[in-house]
């Protein structure tokens, strides 16, 4: 809206890429005043696929014996008690993380593709035109990007997978320092009318894991 109001008529810059990662196969319905202006620029990756049940993802994850020590204590049993992931994680953080961990390659491939798209010479030139249009004093280039991970701690898919997504971004950073230091924008459950103001077990567990992960990754400051 601000771009249109300024008279910019080239649409959203190619260097601005938006990815929606969820356990649910289909994207959430757009309701009320939620903006849908991103259109085709928003890429949705639904990790759960119909008709696959939860046990498919759990067995896929446990088939790698090398990661078994990291699964102990939190991986839900591969049985029929879990809801089908293609309908969502059912506000179960462990289910969300199981599906995301089993599909890390799909997530990584998409993030790599999007990063390449936004880092081309044409994308830089478009940003320079936009900066000039807005009379903004900025330096455009692959070393000056920003990555944001916007996530809710109120459910299962986001709270279970956002740290893995951040780690994937960091692993793909290469010479792009900005990918190694993404910004996380985390929403507590109180942004959802039906979840109340409590952080909840999933939110508290995600927050604690984030603090431990940040310390181990050297982000203690």
N, C-alpha and C. Protein backbone atom coordinates (compact mmCIF):
# COMPACT_ATOMS: atom_id res chain seq x y z
N UNK A 1 0.83 -1.20 0.00
CA UNK A 1 0.00 0.00 0.00
C UNK A 1 0.87 1.26 0.00
N UNK A 2 1.92 1.24 0.81
CA UNK A 2 2.80 2.42 0.86
C UNK A 2 3.53 2.62 -0.46
N UNK A 3 3.90 1.50 -1.10
CA UNK A 3 4.57 1.62 -2.39
C UNK A 3 3.63 2.23 -3.43
N UNK A 4 2.39 1.73 -3.47
CA UNK A 4 1.42 2.27 -4.42
C UNK A 4 1.15 3.74 -4.14
N UNK A 5 1.05 4.07 -2.85
CA UNK A 5 0.77 5.46 -2.48
C UNK A 5 1.90 6.40 -2.90
N UNK A 6 3.12 5.86 -2.99
CA UNK A 6 4.27 6.69 -3.37
C UNK A 6 4.37 6.87 -4.89
N UNK A 7 3.53 6.11 -5.63
CA UNK A 7 3.58 6.20 -7.08
C UNK A 7 4.40 5.10 -7.73
N UNK A 8 4.88 4.17 -6.95
CA UNK A 8 5.66 3.04 -7.49
C UNK A 8 4.71 2.10 -8.23
N UNK A 9 5.04 1.77 -9.48
CA UNK A 9 4.12 0.96 -10.28
C UNK A 9 4.74 -0.34 -10.78
N UNK A 10 5.86 -0.77 -10.17
CA UNK A 10 6.51 -2.01 -10.60
C UNK A 10 6.18 -3.20 -9.70
N UNK A 11 5.22 -3.02 -8.81
CA UNK A 11 4.83 -4.13 -7.94
C UNK A 11 5.86 -4.37 -6.84
N UNK A 12 5.70 -5.49 -6.15
CA UNK A 12 6.65 -5.84 -5.09
C UNK A 12 8.00 -6.20 -5.70
N UNK A 13 9.09 -5.68 -5.15
CA UNK A 13 10.42 -6.01 -5.69
C UNK A 13 10.70 -7.51 -5.61
N UNK A 14 11.41 -8.02 -6.59
CA UNK A 14 11.77 -9.44 -6.61
C UNK A 14 12.61 -9.81 -5.40
N UNK A 15 13.36 -8.86 -4.87
CA UNK A 15 14.19 -9.12 -3.70
C UNK A 15 13.38 -9.29 -2.42
N UNK A 16 12.09 -9.00 -2.49
CA UNK A 16 11.21 -9.22 -1.34
C UNK A 16 10.46 -10.52 -1.58
N UNK A 17 10.91 -11.57 -0.95
CA UNK A 17 10.30 -12.89 -1.12
C UNK A 17 9.58 -13.31 0.17
N UNK A 18 8.45 -13.98 0.02
CA UNK A 18 7.64 -14.37 1.16
C UNK A 18 7.34 -15.87 1.07
N UNK A 19 7.69 -16.59 2.12
CA UNK A 19 7.48 -18.04 2.15
C UNK A 19 6.63 -18.40 3.36
N UNK A 20 5.60 -19.19 3.14
CA UNK A 20 4.74 -19.67 4.22
C UNK A 20 4.93 -21.17 4.36
N UNK A 21 5.51 -21.59 5.48
CA UNK A 21 5.75 -23.02 5.74
C UNK A 21 4.80 -23.48 6.83
N UNK A 22 4.07 -24.54 6.55
CA UNK A 22 3.08 -25.04 7.51
C UNK A 22 3.01 -26.55 7.40
N UNK A 23 2.51 -27.19 8.45
CA UNK A 23 2.26 -28.63 8.39
C UNK A 23 1.01 -28.90 7.56
N UNK A 24 0.02 -28.07 7.72
CA UNK A 24 -1.22 -28.21 6.97
C UNK A 24 -0.94 -28.09 5.47
N UNK A 25 -1.54 -28.97 4.68
CA UNK A 25 -1.26 -28.99 3.24
C UNK A 25 -1.77 -27.75 2.54
N UNK A 26 -3.00 -27.36 2.81
CA UNK A 26 -3.59 -26.20 2.15
C UNK A 26 -3.36 -24.96 3.01
N UNK A 27 -3.15 -23.80 2.38
CA UNK A 27 -2.96 -22.58 3.18
C UNK A 27 -4.22 -22.20 3.92
N UNK A 28 -4.05 -21.48 5.02
CA UNK A 28 -5.21 -21.02 5.79
C UNK A 28 -6.07 -20.09 4.93
N UNK A 29 -7.37 -20.12 5.20
CA UNK A 29 -8.28 -19.24 4.49
C UNK A 29 -8.01 -17.79 4.87
N UNK A 30 -8.12 -16.90 3.90
CA UNK A 30 -8.01 -15.47 4.17
C UNK A 30 -9.35 -14.97 4.68
N UNK A 31 -9.32 -14.39 5.90
CA UNK A 31 -10.57 -13.96 6.51
C UNK A 31 -10.47 -12.51 6.97
N UNK A 32 -11.61 -11.93 7.22
CA UNK A 32 -11.72 -10.60 7.81
C UNK A 32 -10.84 -9.61 7.05
N UNK A 33 -9.97 -8.89 7.80
CA UNK A 33 -9.15 -7.84 7.17
C UNK A 33 -7.72 -8.30 6.92
N UNK A 34 -7.48 -9.62 6.90
CA UNK A 34 -6.14 -10.12 6.62
C UNK A 34 -5.80 -9.82 5.17
N UNK A 35 -4.70 -9.08 4.91
CA UNK A 35 -4.41 -8.69 3.52
C UNK A 35 -4.00 -9.87 2.66
N UNK A 36 -4.50 -9.89 1.45
CA UNK A 36 -4.15 -10.95 0.50
C UNK A 36 -3.40 -10.38 -0.68
N UNK A 37 -2.83 -9.17 -0.50
CA UNK A 37 -2.20 -8.46 -1.62
C UNK A 37 -0.92 -9.13 -2.11
N UNK A 38 -0.35 -10.03 -1.32
CA UNK A 38 0.89 -10.67 -1.74
C UNK A 38 0.66 -11.57 -2.95
N UNK A 39 -0.52 -12.14 -3.05
CA UNK A 39 -0.87 -12.95 -4.21
C UNK A 39 0.12 -14.06 -4.48
N UNK A 40 0.53 -14.17 -5.74
CA UNK A 40 1.43 -15.25 -6.15
C UNK A 40 2.83 -15.10 -5.56
N UNK A 41 3.17 -13.92 -5.04
CA UNK A 41 4.49 -13.73 -4.45
C UNK A 41 4.66 -14.56 -3.17
N UNK A 42 3.55 -14.87 -2.51
CA UNK A 42 3.61 -15.70 -1.30
C UNK A 42 3.64 -17.17 -1.70
N UNK A 43 4.74 -17.86 -1.40
CA UNK A 43 4.90 -19.28 -1.72
C UNK A 43 4.52 -20.10 -0.50
N UNK A 44 3.54 -20.97 -0.66
CA UNK A 44 3.10 -21.81 0.45
C UNK A 44 3.69 -23.21 0.30
N UNK A 45 4.31 -23.69 1.39
CA UNK A 45 4.81 -25.05 1.42
C UNK A 45 4.08 -25.81 2.51
N UNK A 46 3.12 -26.65 2.09
CA UNK A 46 2.42 -27.50 3.04
C UNK A 46 3.15 -28.82 3.17
N UNK A 47 3.69 -29.10 4.34
CA UNK A 47 4.53 -30.28 4.52
C UNK A 47 3.73 -31.58 4.59
N UNK A 48 2.54 -31.52 5.17
CA UNK A 48 1.70 -32.70 5.23
C UNK A 48 1.00 -32.93 3.90
N UNK A 49 1.01 -34.15 3.43
CA UNK A 49 0.41 -34.45 2.13
C UNK A 49 -0.68 -35.52 2.27
N UNK A 50 -1.85 -35.25 1.72
CA UNK A 50 -2.93 -36.22 1.72
C UNK A 50 -2.55 -37.39 0.81
N UNK A 51 -2.78 -38.63 1.21
CA UNK A 51 -3.47 -39.11 2.40
C UNK A 51 -2.51 -39.61 3.50
N UNK A 52 -1.28 -39.11 3.52
CA UNK A 52 -0.28 -39.64 4.44
C UNK A 52 -0.62 -39.30 5.89
N UNK A 53 -0.52 -40.31 6.74
CA UNK A 53 -0.80 -40.15 8.17
C UNK A 53 0.50 -39.81 8.91
N UNK A 54 0.35 -39.50 10.20
CA UNK A 54 1.51 -39.10 11.00
C UNK A 54 2.60 -40.17 11.01
N UNK A 55 2.20 -41.44 11.05
CA UNK A 55 3.22 -42.50 11.18
C UNK A 55 4.19 -42.51 9.99
N UNK A 56 3.75 -42.02 8.83
CA UNK A 56 4.65 -41.94 7.67
C UNK A 56 5.84 -41.04 7.98
N UNK A 57 5.58 -39.89 8.58
CA UNK A 57 6.64 -38.93 8.87
C UNK A 57 7.51 -39.39 10.03
N UNK A 58 6.88 -40.00 11.02
CA UNK A 58 7.65 -40.51 12.16
C UNK A 58 8.60 -41.62 11.72
N UNK A 59 8.12 -42.52 10.88
CA UNK A 59 8.97 -43.62 10.40
C UNK A 59 10.06 -43.10 9.46
N UNK A 60 9.72 -42.10 8.66
CA UNK A 60 10.71 -41.50 7.77
C UNK A 60 11.84 -40.87 8.58
N UNK A 61 11.48 -40.22 9.67
CA UNK A 61 12.48 -39.57 10.52
C UNK A 61 13.34 -40.60 11.25
N UNK A 62 12.71 -41.63 11.79
CA UNK A 62 13.45 -42.62 12.57
C UNK A 62 14.23 -43.60 11.70
N UNK A 63 14.04 -43.54 10.39
CA UNK A 63 14.79 -44.45 9.52
C UNK A 63 16.28 -44.08 9.47
N UNK A 64 16.61 -42.88 9.91
CA UNK A 64 18.00 -42.44 9.97
C UNK A 64 18.54 -42.71 11.37
N UNK A 65 19.26 -43.81 11.52
CA UNK A 65 19.75 -44.22 12.85
C UNK A 65 20.69 -43.20 13.46
N UNK A 66 21.34 -42.39 12.64
CA UNK A 66 22.33 -41.43 13.15
C UNK A 66 21.70 -40.36 14.02
N UNK A 67 20.41 -40.07 13.82
CA UNK A 67 19.77 -39.01 14.60
C UNK A 67 18.92 -39.54 15.75
N UNK A 68 18.92 -40.86 15.96
CA UNK A 68 18.11 -41.43 17.04
C UNK A 68 18.38 -40.80 18.40
N UNK A 69 19.65 -40.51 18.77
CA UNK A 69 19.88 -39.90 20.08
C UNK A 69 19.18 -38.56 20.27
N UNK A 70 18.94 -37.84 19.19
CA UNK A 70 18.27 -36.55 19.30
C UNK A 70 16.77 -36.63 19.33
N UNK A 71 16.22 -37.84 19.17
CA UNK A 71 14.77 -38.00 19.13
C UNK A 71 14.19 -38.46 20.46
N UNK A 72 15.04 -38.96 21.32
CA UNK A 72 14.57 -39.53 22.57
C UNK A 72 13.89 -38.50 23.47
N UNK A 73 12.74 -38.87 24.01
CA UNK A 73 12.06 -38.04 24.99
C UNK A 73 11.00 -37.13 24.44
N UNK A 74 10.98 -36.88 23.12
CA UNK A 74 9.97 -35.95 22.61
C UNK A 74 9.22 -36.46 21.40
N UNK A 75 9.74 -37.43 20.67
CA UNK A 75 9.08 -37.89 19.45
C UNK A 75 7.81 -38.67 19.78
N UNK A 76 6.64 -38.20 19.33
CA UNK A 76 5.40 -38.94 19.59
C UNK A 76 5.41 -40.30 18.89
N UNK A 77 4.74 -41.25 19.48
CA UNK A 77 4.69 -42.60 18.93
C UNK A 77 4.02 -42.60 17.56
N UNK A 78 4.51 -43.48 16.70
CA UNK A 78 3.95 -43.60 15.34
C UNK A 78 2.71 -44.47 15.38
N UNK A 79 1.61 -43.90 15.85
CA UNK A 79 0.35 -44.65 15.91
C UNK A 79 -0.79 -43.78 15.39
N UNK A 80 -1.98 -44.31 15.46
CA UNK A 80 -3.13 -43.63 14.87
C UNK A 80 -3.75 -42.58 15.78
N UNK A 81 -3.13 -42.30 16.94
CA UNK A 81 -3.72 -41.34 17.87
C UNK A 81 -3.49 -39.89 17.43
N UNK A 82 -2.58 -39.68 16.49
CA UNK A 82 -2.30 -38.32 16.02
C UNK A 82 -3.23 -37.97 14.85
N UNK A 83 -3.61 -36.71 14.79
CA UNK A 83 -4.45 -36.27 13.66
C UNK A 83 -3.62 -36.25 12.39
N UNK A 84 -4.25 -36.42 11.23
CA UNK A 84 -3.50 -36.41 9.96
C UNK A 84 -2.77 -35.09 9.77
N UNK A 85 -1.47 -35.09 9.54
CA UNK A 85 -0.72 -33.84 9.40
C UNK A 85 -1.23 -32.93 8.29
N UNK A 86 -1.83 -33.51 7.23
CA UNK A 86 -2.30 -32.64 6.14
C UNK A 86 -3.42 -31.72 6.59
N UNK A 87 -4.00 -31.97 7.78
CA UNK A 87 -5.01 -31.07 8.33
C UNK A 87 -4.41 -30.12 9.36
N UNK A 88 -3.11 -30.29 9.66
CA UNK A 88 -2.44 -29.45 10.66
C UNK A 88 -1.80 -30.29 11.75
N UNK A 89 -1.09 -29.63 12.64
CA UNK A 89 -0.38 -30.33 13.72
C UNK A 89 -1.24 -30.49 14.96
N UNK A 90 -2.46 -29.97 14.94
CA UNK A 90 -3.34 -30.15 16.08
C UNK A 90 -2.83 -29.47 17.34
N UNK A 91 -2.11 -28.36 17.19
CA UNK A 91 -1.52 -27.61 18.31
C UNK A 91 -0.57 -28.47 19.15
N UNK A 92 -0.02 -29.49 18.53
CA UNK A 92 0.97 -30.33 19.20
C UNK A 92 2.35 -30.02 18.63
N UNK A 93 3.18 -29.40 19.44
CA UNK A 93 4.48 -28.94 18.99
C UNK A 93 5.36 -30.11 18.51
N UNK A 94 5.30 -31.23 19.20
CA UNK A 94 6.13 -32.37 18.82
C UNK A 94 5.73 -32.93 17.47
N UNK A 95 4.44 -32.88 17.16
CA UNK A 95 3.98 -33.34 15.85
C UNK A 95 4.49 -32.39 14.76
N UNK A 96 4.39 -31.10 15.02
CA UNK A 96 4.89 -30.13 14.06
C UNK A 96 6.37 -30.30 13.78
N UNK A 97 7.14 -30.55 14.83
CA UNK A 97 8.57 -30.70 14.63
C UNK A 97 8.90 -32.01 13.93
N UNK A 98 8.16 -33.07 14.23
CA UNK A 98 8.40 -34.36 13.57
C UNK A 98 8.22 -34.24 12.06
N UNK A 99 7.11 -33.62 11.65
CA UNK A 99 6.83 -33.49 10.22
C UNK A 99 7.87 -32.58 9.56
N UNK A 100 8.20 -31.47 10.21
CA UNK A 100 9.19 -30.55 9.64
C UNK A 100 10.56 -31.21 9.54
N UNK A 101 10.95 -31.94 10.58
CA UNK A 101 12.26 -32.59 10.55
C UNK A 101 12.32 -33.67 9.48
N UNK A 102 11.20 -34.36 9.26
CA UNK A 102 11.16 -35.39 8.22
C UNK A 102 11.22 -34.78 6.83
N UNK A 103 10.79 -33.51 6.71
CA UNK A 103 10.74 -32.85 5.40
C UNK A 103 11.74 -31.70 5.30
N UNK A 104 12.85 -31.80 6.01
CA UNK A 104 13.84 -30.73 5.98
C UNK A 104 14.38 -30.47 4.58
N UNK A 105 14.53 -31.51 3.79
CA UNK A 105 15.06 -31.32 2.44
C UNK A 105 14.13 -30.45 1.61
N UNK A 106 12.83 -30.69 1.72
CA UNK A 106 11.87 -29.88 0.96
C UNK A 106 11.93 -28.42 1.40
N UNK A 107 12.06 -28.20 2.72
CA UNK A 107 12.16 -26.84 3.24
C UNK A 107 13.44 -26.19 2.74
N UNK A 108 14.56 -26.92 2.86
CA UNK A 108 15.84 -26.38 2.43
C UNK A 108 15.89 -26.06 0.96
N UNK A 109 15.31 -26.93 0.13
CA UNK A 109 15.30 -26.68 -1.31
C UNK A 109 14.52 -25.42 -1.65
N UNK A 110 13.38 -25.22 -0.97
CA UNK A 110 12.58 -24.03 -1.24
C UNK A 110 13.32 -22.76 -0.79
N UNK A 111 13.90 -22.79 0.39
CA UNK A 111 14.62 -21.62 0.89
C UNK A 111 15.80 -21.29 -0.02
N UNK A 112 16.48 -22.32 -0.51
CA UNK A 112 17.60 -22.08 -1.41
C UNK A 112 17.12 -21.44 -2.71
N UNK A 113 16.02 -21.93 -3.26
CA UNK A 113 15.47 -21.39 -4.50
C UNK A 113 15.06 -19.93 -4.33
N UNK A 114 14.39 -19.64 -3.23
CA UNK A 114 13.93 -18.27 -2.98
C UNK A 114 15.11 -17.33 -2.78
N UNK A 115 16.12 -17.80 -2.06
CA UNK A 115 17.30 -16.97 -1.81
C UNK A 115 18.01 -16.64 -3.11
N UNK A 116 18.11 -17.62 -4.01
CA UNK A 116 18.74 -17.37 -5.30
C UNK A 116 17.93 -16.35 -6.12
N UNK A 117 16.62 -16.46 -6.08
CA UNK A 117 15.77 -15.55 -6.83
C UNK A 117 15.95 -14.10 -6.38
N UNK A 118 16.08 -13.90 -5.08
CA UNK A 118 16.16 -12.54 -4.55
C UNK A 118 17.57 -11.97 -4.58
N UNK A 119 18.55 -12.77 -5.03
CA UNK A 119 19.95 -12.33 -4.99
C UNK A 119 20.56 -12.10 -6.37
N UNK A 120 19.73 -12.00 -7.38
CA UNK A 120 20.25 -11.80 -8.74
C UNK A 120 20.59 -10.33 -9.00
N UNK A 121 21.34 -10.11 -10.07
CA UNK A 121 21.67 -8.74 -10.46
C UNK A 121 20.44 -7.94 -10.82
N UNK A 122 19.47 -8.58 -11.49
CA UNK A 122 18.24 -7.89 -11.86
C UNK A 122 17.46 -7.44 -10.62
N UNK A 123 17.46 -8.32 -9.59
CA UNK A 123 16.77 -7.97 -8.34
C UNK A 123 17.44 -6.78 -7.67
N UNK A 124 18.77 -6.73 -7.71
CA UNK A 124 19.50 -5.59 -7.14
C UNK A 124 19.19 -4.30 -7.88
N UNK A 125 19.15 -4.37 -9.21
CA UNK A 125 18.87 -3.17 -10.00
C UNK A 125 17.46 -2.65 -9.72
N UNK A 126 16.52 -3.57 -9.54
CA UNK A 126 15.16 -3.16 -9.22
C UNK A 126 15.11 -2.45 -7.87
N UNK A 127 15.85 -2.97 -6.89
CA UNK A 127 15.90 -2.32 -5.58
C UNK A 127 16.53 -0.94 -5.65
N UNK A 128 17.53 -0.80 -6.49
CA UNK A 128 18.17 0.51 -6.66
C UNK A 128 17.17 1.52 -7.23
N UNK A 129 16.34 1.06 -8.17
CA UNK A 129 15.33 1.95 -8.73
C UNK A 129 14.31 2.35 -7.65
N UNK A 130 13.95 1.38 -6.82
CA UNK A 130 12.99 1.67 -5.75
C UNK A 130 13.60 2.63 -4.73
N UNK A 131 14.87 2.41 -4.38
CA UNK A 131 15.54 3.30 -3.43
C UNK A 131 15.59 4.73 -3.96
N UNK A 132 15.89 4.86 -5.25
CA UNK A 132 15.92 6.19 -5.86
C UNK A 132 14.53 6.81 -5.87
N UNK A 133 13.52 5.99 -6.16
CA UNK A 133 12.14 6.47 -6.19
C UNK A 133 11.71 7.00 -4.83
N UNK A 134 12.13 6.31 -3.77
CA UNK A 134 11.76 6.71 -2.41
C UNK A 134 12.74 7.69 -1.80
N UNK A 135 13.79 8.03 -2.57
CA UNK A 135 14.84 8.92 -2.07
C UNK A 135 15.44 8.36 -0.78
N UNK A 136 15.69 7.05 -0.79
CA UNK A 136 16.23 6.36 0.39
C UNK A 136 17.74 6.19 0.24
N UNK A 137 18.46 6.51 1.29
CA UNK A 137 19.92 6.39 1.29
C UNK A 137 20.29 5.01 1.82
N UNK A 138 20.29 4.02 0.94
CA UNK A 138 20.59 2.64 1.33
C UNK A 138 21.60 2.05 0.36
N UNK A 139 22.31 1.05 0.85
CA UNK A 139 23.25 0.31 0.01
C UNK A 139 22.61 -0.99 -0.42
N UNK A 140 22.50 -1.21 -1.70
CA UNK A 140 21.86 -2.41 -2.23
C UNK A 140 22.94 -3.42 -2.62
N UNK A 141 22.74 -4.68 -2.21
CA UNK A 141 23.69 -5.72 -2.56
C UNK A 141 23.44 -6.98 -1.75
N UNK A 142 24.03 -8.08 -2.18
CA UNK A 142 23.78 -9.37 -1.55
C UNK A 142 24.22 -9.40 -0.09
N UNK A 143 25.14 -8.50 0.30
CA UNK A 143 25.64 -8.52 1.68
C UNK A 143 24.78 -7.69 2.61
N UNK A 144 23.72 -7.05 2.08
CA UNK A 144 22.91 -6.15 2.90
C UNK A 144 21.46 -6.59 3.02
N UNK A 145 21.20 -7.88 2.84
CA UNK A 145 19.83 -8.38 2.95
C UNK A 145 19.39 -8.54 4.38
N UNK A 146 18.12 -8.83 4.54
CA UNK A 146 17.54 -9.13 5.85
C UNK A 146 16.62 -10.33 5.70
N UNK A 147 16.67 -11.23 6.67
CA UNK A 147 15.78 -12.39 6.69
C UNK A 147 14.97 -12.35 7.98
N UNK A 148 13.66 -12.50 7.86
CA UNK A 148 12.77 -12.50 9.01
C UNK A 148 12.02 -13.82 9.07
N UNK A 149 11.99 -14.42 10.24
CA UNK A 149 11.19 -15.61 10.48
C UNK A 149 10.05 -15.19 11.41
N UNK A 150 8.84 -15.11 10.86
CA UNK A 150 7.67 -14.67 11.61
C UNK A 150 6.89 -15.91 12.03
N UNK A 151 6.62 -16.03 13.32
CA UNK A 151 6.13 -17.30 13.81
C UNK A 151 5.23 -17.13 15.03
N UNK A 152 4.28 -18.03 15.17
CA UNK A 152 3.43 -18.07 16.35
C UNK A 152 3.90 -19.18 17.29
N UNK A 153 3.86 -18.88 18.59
CA UNK A 153 4.19 -19.89 19.59
C UNK A 153 2.92 -20.54 20.16
N UNK A 154 1.79 -20.30 19.52
CA UNK A 154 0.53 -20.77 20.07
C UNK A 154 0.07 -22.12 19.56
N UNK A 155 0.68 -22.64 18.50
CA UNK A 155 0.21 -23.90 17.94
C UNK A 155 1.28 -24.96 17.91
N UNK A 156 1.18 -25.85 16.93
CA UNK A 156 2.13 -26.95 16.86
C UNK A 156 3.10 -26.83 15.71
N UNK A 157 2.62 -26.40 14.55
CA UNK A 157 3.47 -26.34 13.36
C UNK A 157 4.59 -25.33 13.51
N UNK A 158 4.22 -24.09 13.82
CA UNK A 158 5.22 -23.03 13.92
C UNK A 158 6.15 -23.19 15.10
N UNK A 159 5.58 -23.42 16.28
CA UNK A 159 6.42 -23.52 17.48
C UNK A 159 7.32 -24.74 17.43
N UNK A 160 6.93 -25.75 16.65
CA UNK A 160 7.74 -26.95 16.56
C UNK A 160 8.83 -26.89 15.51
N UNK A 161 8.69 -26.00 14.53
CA UNK A 161 9.61 -26.04 13.40
C UNK A 161 10.46 -24.80 13.19
N UNK A 162 10.15 -23.68 13.87
CA UNK A 162 10.81 -22.43 13.49
C UNK A 162 12.32 -22.45 13.74
N UNK A 163 12.77 -23.16 14.77
CA UNK A 163 14.21 -23.22 15.02
C UNK A 163 14.92 -24.02 13.93
N UNK A 164 14.28 -25.05 13.42
CA UNK A 164 14.87 -25.82 12.33
C UNK A 164 14.96 -24.97 11.06
N UNK A 165 13.94 -24.14 10.84
CA UNK A 165 13.96 -23.25 9.67
C UNK A 165 15.10 -22.24 9.80
N UNK A 166 15.26 -21.68 10.99
CA UNK A 166 16.35 -20.73 11.22
C UNK A 166 17.70 -21.40 10.99
N UNK A 167 17.83 -22.63 11.48
CA UNK A 167 19.10 -23.33 11.30
C UNK A 167 19.37 -23.62 9.83
N UNK A 168 18.33 -23.92 9.07
CA UNK A 168 18.50 -24.13 7.64
C UNK A 168 18.99 -22.86 6.94
N UNK A 169 18.39 -21.74 7.31
CA UNK A 169 18.83 -20.46 6.74
C UNK A 169 20.31 -20.23 7.03
N UNK A 170 20.70 -20.48 8.26
CA UNK A 170 22.09 -20.26 8.65
C UNK A 170 23.03 -21.20 7.89
N UNK A 171 22.59 -22.44 7.69
CA UNK A 171 23.45 -23.41 7.00
C UNK A 171 23.63 -23.08 5.53
N UNK A 172 22.69 -22.30 4.96
CA UNK A 172 22.74 -21.95 3.55
C UNK A 172 23.32 -20.56 3.32
N UNK A 173 23.83 -19.93 4.37
CA UNK A 173 24.25 -18.53 4.27
C UNK A 173 25.44 -18.32 3.35
N UNK A 174 26.42 -19.23 3.38
CA UNK A 174 27.61 -19.04 2.56
C UNK A 174 28.25 -17.70 2.84
N UNK A 175 28.41 -16.88 1.80
CA UNK A 175 29.01 -15.56 1.98
C UNK A 175 27.98 -14.49 2.35
N UNK A 176 26.70 -14.89 2.41
CA UNK A 176 25.63 -13.94 2.75
C UNK A 176 25.45 -13.91 4.28
N UNK A 177 26.14 -12.98 4.91
CA UNK A 177 26.12 -12.92 6.37
C UNK A 177 24.71 -12.71 6.91
N UNK A 178 23.87 -11.99 6.16
CA UNK A 178 22.52 -11.69 6.65
C UNK A 178 21.68 -12.95 6.83
N UNK A 179 21.95 -14.00 6.05
CA UNK A 179 21.21 -15.25 6.23
C UNK A 179 21.63 -15.97 7.51
N UNK A 180 22.86 -15.74 7.93
CA UNK A 180 23.36 -16.39 9.14
C UNK A 180 22.82 -15.73 10.40
N UNK A 181 22.24 -14.53 10.27
CA UNK A 181 21.71 -13.81 11.43
C UNK A 181 20.27 -13.36 11.16
N UNK A 182 19.36 -14.31 10.98
CA UNK A 182 17.97 -13.92 10.71
C UNK A 182 17.31 -13.34 11.96
N UNK A 183 16.30 -12.54 11.73
CA UNK A 183 15.51 -11.96 12.81
C UNK A 183 14.27 -12.82 13.03
N UNK A 184 13.96 -13.11 14.27
CA UNK A 184 12.76 -13.88 14.59
C UNK A 184 11.71 -12.95 15.20
N UNK A 185 10.52 -12.96 14.63
CA UNK A 185 9.39 -12.20 15.15
C UNK A 185 8.39 -13.23 15.68
N UNK A 186 8.29 -13.34 16.99
CA UNK A 186 7.52 -14.42 17.61
C UNK A 186 6.27 -13.85 18.29
N UNK A 187 5.13 -14.45 17.98
CA UNK A 187 3.87 -14.02 18.57
C UNK A 187 3.41 -15.00 19.63
N UNK A 188 3.02 -14.48 20.77
CA UNK A 188 2.47 -15.32 21.84
C UNK A 188 1.03 -15.70 21.49
N UNK A 189 0.48 -16.72 22.16
CA UNK A 189 -0.87 -17.18 21.83
C UNK A 189 -1.96 -16.13 21.98
N UNK A 190 -1.71 -15.05 22.73
CA UNK A 190 -2.78 -14.08 22.97
C UNK A 190 -3.18 -13.32 21.71
N UNK A 191 -2.46 -13.51 20.59
CA UNK A 191 -2.90 -12.87 19.35
C UNK A 191 -4.07 -13.64 18.73
N UNK A 192 -4.33 -14.84 19.24
CA UNK A 192 -5.45 -15.63 18.76
C UNK A 192 -6.58 -15.57 19.78
N UNK A 193 -7.76 -15.19 19.33
CA UNK A 193 -8.88 -14.98 20.26
C UNK A 193 -9.27 -16.25 21.00
N UNK A 194 -9.04 -17.42 20.39
CA UNK A 194 -9.52 -18.67 20.99
C UNK A 194 -8.47 -19.35 21.87
N UNK A 195 -7.28 -18.78 22.02
CA UNK A 195 -6.23 -19.44 22.79
C UNK A 195 -5.95 -18.80 24.14
N UNK A 196 -6.52 -17.63 24.42
CA UNK A 196 -6.30 -16.99 25.71
C UNK A 196 -4.94 -16.32 25.80
N UNK A 197 -4.61 -15.85 27.00
CA UNK A 197 -3.39 -15.08 27.19
C UNK A 197 -2.21 -15.90 27.69
N UNK A 198 -2.44 -17.15 28.06
CA UNK A 198 -1.36 -17.98 28.59
C UNK A 198 -0.43 -18.43 27.47
N UNK A 199 0.87 -18.49 27.77
CA UNK A 199 1.84 -18.94 26.78
C UNK A 199 1.63 -20.42 26.45
N UNK A 200 1.12 -21.19 27.41
CA UNK A 200 0.83 -22.60 27.15
C UNK A 200 2.07 -23.47 27.16
N UNK A 201 1.85 -24.76 27.20
CA UNK A 201 2.98 -25.69 27.25
C UNK A 201 3.83 -25.62 25.99
N UNK A 202 3.17 -25.57 24.83
CA UNK A 202 3.92 -25.53 23.57
C UNK A 202 4.76 -24.27 23.48
N UNK A 203 4.17 -23.14 23.85
CA UNK A 203 4.89 -21.88 23.80
C UNK A 203 6.04 -21.83 24.77
N UNK A 204 5.83 -22.32 25.99
CA UNK A 204 6.90 -22.31 26.99
C UNK A 204 8.05 -23.23 26.56
N UNK A 205 7.70 -24.38 26.03
CA UNK A 205 8.73 -25.32 25.57
C UNK A 205 9.53 -24.73 24.41
N UNK A 206 8.84 -24.07 23.47
CA UNK A 206 9.52 -23.46 22.33
C UNK A 206 10.44 -22.34 22.79
N UNK A 207 9.96 -21.53 23.73
CA UNK A 207 10.76 -20.41 24.21
C UNK A 207 12.00 -20.91 24.95
N UNK A 208 11.84 -21.94 25.77
CA UNK A 208 12.98 -22.49 26.49
C UNK A 208 13.99 -23.10 25.52
N UNK A 209 13.50 -23.83 24.53
CA UNK A 209 14.41 -24.43 23.55
C UNK A 209 15.14 -23.34 22.77
N UNK A 210 14.44 -22.24 22.48
CA UNK A 210 15.08 -21.14 21.76
C UNK A 210 16.22 -20.54 22.58
N UNK A 211 16.01 -20.36 23.88
CA UNK A 211 17.06 -19.80 24.73
C UNK A 211 18.27 -20.72 24.79
N UNK A 212 18.03 -22.02 24.92
CA UNK A 212 19.13 -22.97 24.96
C UNK A 212 19.87 -22.99 23.63
N UNK A 213 19.10 -23.01 22.54
CA UNK A 213 19.70 -23.03 21.20
C UNK A 213 20.53 -21.77 20.96
N UNK A 214 20.00 -20.60 21.36
CA UNK A 214 20.71 -19.35 21.15
C UNK A 214 22.03 -19.34 21.93
N UNK A 215 21.99 -19.87 23.14
CA UNK A 215 23.22 -19.92 23.94
C UNK A 215 24.26 -20.82 23.29
N UNK A 216 23.83 -22.00 22.85
CA UNK A 216 24.76 -22.94 22.24
C UNK A 216 25.28 -22.43 20.89
N UNK A 217 24.44 -21.62 20.20
CA UNK A 217 24.84 -21.11 18.88
C UNK A 217 25.69 -19.84 18.99
N UNK A 218 25.92 -19.38 20.23
CA UNK A 218 26.76 -18.22 20.41
C UNK A 218 26.04 -16.90 20.34
N UNK A 219 24.70 -16.93 20.53
CA UNK A 219 23.93 -15.70 20.48
C UNK A 219 23.57 -15.20 21.88
N UNK A 220 24.38 -15.56 22.87
CA UNK A 220 24.04 -15.25 24.26
C UNK A 220 23.88 -13.75 24.50
N UNK A 221 24.56 -12.93 23.68
CA UNK A 221 24.44 -11.49 23.87
C UNK A 221 23.04 -11.00 23.54
